[in-house]
Amino acid sequence: MELNEHLKEILRSGTVLSTSGSTGTPKRIKQPVHKLLAANSVAREVQDITRTSRILTVCSLKHAGGLLAQTLPAIEVDAHVEVQGFNAFAWVRQITDFTHSHLTPDMARAVMKTKGFQDLNLSGIIIMCGSDRVTSTIIQAFVDRGATFIANWGMTEVGPVAINKTYKPGDIINNTESIMGDTCYCDIKFVENELYVHGDICVYNDWFPTGDIVQIADRDLYYMGRNNAWIK
Protein backbone atom coordinates (compact mmCIF):
# COMPACT_ATOMS: atom_id res chain seq x y z
CA MET A 1 0.00 0.00 0.00
CA GLU A 2 1.31 3.48 -0.88
CA LEU A 3 2.49 5.38 2.19
CA ASN A 4 -0.11 8.16 1.98
CA GLU A 5 -2.90 5.63 1.64
CA HIS A 6 -1.54 3.69 4.60
CA LEU A 7 -1.53 6.87 6.69
CA LYS A 8 -5.07 7.75 5.63
CA GLU A 9 -6.16 4.25 6.63
CA ILE A 10 -4.72 4.92 10.10
CA LEU A 11 -6.98 7.98 10.28
CA ARG A 12 -9.96 5.75 9.51
CA SER A 13 -9.08 2.74 11.65
CA GLY A 14 -6.52 3.76 14.28
CA THR A 15 -3.21 2.02 14.89
CA VAL A 16 -0.90 0.59 17.53
CA LEU A 17 2.43 2.21 18.42
CA SER A 18 5.33 0.98 20.50
CA THR A 19 6.90 3.06 23.24
CA SER A 20 10.66 3.57 22.99
CA GLY A 21 11.44 1.47 26.05
CA SER A 22 13.93 4.10 27.25
CA THR A 23 12.33 4.21 30.69
CA GLY A 24 11.24 0.60 31.03
CA THR A 25 9.93 -2.35 29.04
CA PRO A 26 8.56 -1.23 25.64
CA LYS A 27 4.77 -1.34 25.46
CA ARG A 28 2.33 -1.40 22.57
CA ILE A 29 -0.27 1.33 22.92
CA LYS A 30 -3.49 1.33 20.89
CA GLN A 31 -4.27 4.66 19.25
CA PRO A 32 -8.05 4.93 18.68
CA VAL A 33 -9.35 7.15 15.90
CA HIS A 34 -10.96 9.71 18.22
CA LYS A 35 -7.67 10.22 20.05
CA LEU A 36 -5.72 10.58 16.81
CA LEU A 37 -8.11 13.18 15.42
CA ALA A 38 -8.04 15.19 18.66
CA ALA A 39 -4.24 15.03 18.79
CA ASN A 40 -3.97 16.01 15.11
CA SER A 41 -6.06 19.10 15.73
CA VAL A 42 -3.81 20.18 18.61
CA ALA A 43 -0.63 19.50 16.62
CA ARG A 44 -1.85 21.64 13.72
CA GLU A 45 -2.87 24.47 16.06
CA VAL A 46 0.47 24.51 17.89
CA GLN A 47 2.61 24.31 14.74
CA ASP A 48 0.41 26.21 12.28
CA ILE A 49 0.22 23.20 9.96
CA THR A 50 -2.10 23.85 7.02
CA ARG A 51 -2.75 22.37 3.59
CA THR A 52 0.08 24.50 2.17
CA SER A 53 2.66 23.21 4.69
CA ARG A 54 5.58 21.05 3.61
CA ILE A 55 6.65 18.49 6.21
CA LEU A 56 10.06 16.79 6.32
CA THR A 57 9.71 13.68 8.49
CA VAL A 58 12.96 12.05 9.61
CA CYS A 59 11.80 10.29 12.79
CA SER A 60 10.54 6.71 12.60
CA LEU A 61 6.85 6.28 11.81
CA LYS A 62 6.86 3.33 14.22
CA HIS A 63 6.91 5.78 17.14
CA ALA A 64 4.68 8.64 18.23
CA GLY A 65 7.11 11.45 17.41
CA GLY A 66 7.54 10.41 13.79
CA LEU A 67 3.93 9.51 13.07
CA LEU A 68 1.88 11.81 15.25
CA ALA A 69 3.81 15.04 15.88
CA GLN A 70 3.57 16.33 12.30
CA THR A 71 3.08 13.56 9.73
CA LEU A 72 -0.46 12.38 10.44
CA PRO A 73 -1.78 15.88 11.27
CA ALA A 74 -0.46 17.05 7.89
CA ILE A 75 -1.80 14.06 5.96
CA GLU A 76 -5.27 14.71 7.36
CA VAL A 77 -5.37 18.13 5.65
CA ASP A 78 -3.59 16.93 2.47
CA ALA A 79 -0.36 18.82 3.14
CA HIS A 80 2.86 17.71 1.45
CA VAL A 81 4.84 15.17 3.50
CA GLU A 82 8.18 13.57 2.70
CA VAL A 83 9.43 10.70 4.87
CA GLN A 84 13.08 9.66 4.84
CA GLY A 85 15.71 8.23 7.13
CA PHE A 86 17.62 10.77 9.18
CA ASN A 87 20.94 12.04 7.90
CA ALA A 88 22.16 15.31 9.43
CA PHE A 89 23.95 16.50 6.28
CA ALA A 90 20.95 15.72 4.07
CA TRP A 91 18.60 17.47 6.51
CA VAL A 92 20.68 20.66 6.38
CA ARG A 93 20.71 20.58 2.56
CA GLN A 94 16.97 19.98 2.26
CA ILE A 95 15.25 21.77 5.15
CA THR A 96 14.86 25.14 3.40
CA ASP A 97 12.51 23.43 0.92
CA PHE A 98 10.13 22.65 3.80
CA THR A 99 8.09 24.53 6.38
CA HIS A 100 8.22 22.01 9.25
CA SER A 101 10.35 19.23 10.68
CA HIS A 102 10.46 17.30 13.95
CA LEU A 103 13.79 16.33 15.52
CA THR A 104 14.85 14.49 18.64
CA PRO A 105 17.50 16.28 20.74
CA ASP A 106 20.16 13.83 19.48
CA MET A 107 19.19 14.62 15.89
CA ALA A 108 19.28 18.34 16.62
CA ARG A 109 22.78 18.05 18.08
CA ALA A 110 23.93 16.08 15.02
CA VAL A 111 22.54 18.81 12.75
CA MET A 112 24.31 21.48 14.83
CA LYS A 113 27.66 19.74 14.30
CA THR A 114 27.47 19.91 10.50
CA LYS A 115 29.48 22.56 8.69
CA GLY A 116 26.43 23.74 6.79
CA PHE A 117 24.43 24.53 9.93
CA GLN A 118 26.47 27.64 10.68
CA ASP A 119 25.21 29.34 7.50
CA LEU A 120 21.70 27.88 7.53
CA ASN A 121 18.79 30.32 7.25
CA LEU A 122 15.76 28.79 8.98
CA SER A 123 13.55 31.88 8.78
CA GLY A 124 9.90 30.91 8.46
CA ILE A 125 10.59 27.25 9.33
CA ILE A 126 9.04 25.58 12.37
CA ILE A 127 11.14 22.98 14.18
CA MET A 128 9.59 20.85 16.92
CA CYS A 129 11.89 18.96 19.25
CA GLY A 130 11.06 16.33 21.84
CA SER A 131 11.35 12.73 23.09
CA ASP A 132 14.17 13.62 25.51
CA ARG A 133 15.47 16.66 27.40
CA VAL A 134 15.52 19.72 25.13
CA THR A 135 18.35 21.95 26.31
CA SER A 136 18.72 25.71 26.04
CA THR A 137 21.83 25.18 23.90
CA ILE A 138 19.73 23.44 21.24
CA ILE A 139 16.95 26.02 21.42
CA GLN A 140 19.39 28.93 21.13
CA ALA A 141 21.21 27.43 18.16
CA PHE A 142 18.05 27.04 16.10
CA VAL A 143 16.42 30.39 16.94
CA ASP A 144 19.74 32.10 16.19
CA ARG A 145 19.33 30.78 12.65
CA GLY A 146 15.83 32.17 12.37
CA ALA A 147 13.71 29.14 13.23
CA THR A 148 10.54 29.10 15.25
CA PHE A 149 11.51 26.37 17.71
CA ILE A 150 9.00 24.40 19.77
CA ALA A 151 10.26 22.44 22.78
CA ASN A 152 7.68 19.73 23.26
CA TRP A 153 6.67 17.10 25.81
CA GLY A 154 4.39 14.18 25.04
CA MET A 155 4.12 10.42 25.28
CA THR A 156 2.76 7.59 23.17
CA GLU A 157 -0.16 7.59 25.59
CA VAL A 158 -0.85 11.33 25.36
CA GLY A 159 -0.35 13.78 22.53
CA PRO A 160 2.48 13.61 21.56
CA VAL A 161 1.97 17.38 21.23
CA ALA A 162 0.76 17.85 24.81
CA ILE A 163 2.91 20.39 26.69
CA ASN A 164 5.22 22.79 24.90
CA LYS A 165 6.81 26.20 24.62
CA THR A 166 7.45 28.17 21.44
CA TYR A 167 10.62 30.21 20.98
CA LYS A 168 11.12 32.75 18.20
CA PRO A 169 14.17 34.65 16.95
CA GLY A 170 15.11 37.33 19.44
CA ASP A 171 13.67 35.51 22.46
CA ILE A 172 15.84 35.29 25.54
CA ILE A 173 16.53 31.61 26.25
CA ASN A 174 16.87 30.87 29.95
CA ASN A 175 19.53 28.34 30.85
CA THR A 176 17.68 25.09 31.26
CA GLU A 177 18.27 21.42 30.70
CA SER A 178 14.75 20.22 31.32
CA ILE A 179 12.09 22.54 29.87
CA MET A 180 8.75 20.87 29.11
CA GLY A 181 6.71 23.96 28.30
CA ASP A 182 4.37 26.68 29.47
CA THR A 183 1.23 25.68 27.56
CA CYS A 184 -0.78 22.50 28.16
CA TYR A 185 -3.20 20.92 25.71
CA CYS A 186 -4.51 18.41 28.22
CA ASP A 187 -5.69 18.59 31.81
CA ILE A 188 -2.89 18.14 34.32
CA LYS A 189 -2.55 17.55 38.05
CA PHE A 190 0.22 16.50 40.39
CA VAL A 191 0.30 13.67 42.90
CA GLU A 192 3.45 13.88 45.03
CA ASN A 193 5.05 15.88 42.18
CA GLU A 194 4.24 13.21 39.58
CA LEU A 195 2.45 14.53 36.50
CA TYR A 196 -1.00 13.10 35.76
CA VAL A 197 -2.74 13.91 32.46
CA HIS A 198 -6.29 13.62 31.18
CA GLY A 199 -8.19 14.67 28.08
CA ASP A 200 -9.16 13.93 24.50
CA ILE A 201 -5.54 13.56 23.35
CA CYS A 202 -4.94 10.78 25.91
CA VAL A 203 -5.64 7.13 25.06
CA TYR A 204 -7.13 6.52 28.51
CA ASN A 205 -10.45 7.84 29.81
CA ASP A 206 -9.22 8.28 33.39
CA TRP A 207 -6.29 10.29 34.74
CA PHE A 208 -3.02 8.79 33.49
CA PRO A 209 0.08 8.79 35.73
CA THR A 210 2.96 9.66 33.42
CA GLY A 211 5.77 8.61 35.75
CA ASP A 212 7.42 12.00 35.21
CA ILE A 213 8.38 14.13 38.20
CA VAL A 214 7.67 17.75 37.32
CA GLN A 215 8.39 21.12 38.89
CA ILE A 216 6.73 24.45 38.03
CA ALA A 217 8.61 27.76 38.09
CA ASP A 218 7.40 31.04 36.56
CA ARG A 219 4.61 29.17 34.74
CA ASP A 220 7.10 26.81 33.03
CA LEU A 221 6.98 23.08 33.65
CA TYR A 222 10.32 21.34 34.11
CA TYR A 223 11.13 17.64 33.91
CA MET A 224 12.97 16.54 37.06
CA GLY A 225 13.26 12.79 36.46
CA ARG A 226 11.26 9.59 36.65
CA ASN A 227 9.21 8.02 39.41
CA ASN A 228 11.19 4.83 39.90
CA ALA A 229 8.13 2.99 41.18
CA TRP A 230 6.48 3.59 37.81
CA ILE A 231 9.19 1.86 35.77
CA LYS A 232 8.56 -1.83 35.23
Foldseek 3Di string as FASTA:
>chain_A
DDPLVVLVVCLVAWDWAWFPCPQARIDIHTGGNLLLVLLLVVLCVVQVAAQAFAEEAADDCRFCQRVRNPPSSNSVRNHHYDYDHDDLVVCQVCVVVGQEYEDEQVSLVNVVPDPSLVVGAAANHEYEYDPAWDWLVSVVSVQCNFYFYKDAPAGRQFRNRFAIATDHRPDDRDGDRFWHHLDGPFDWDADVQFIWTADSNGPDHDIHGPQFRWDDDPSTIGTDDGNSVPHD
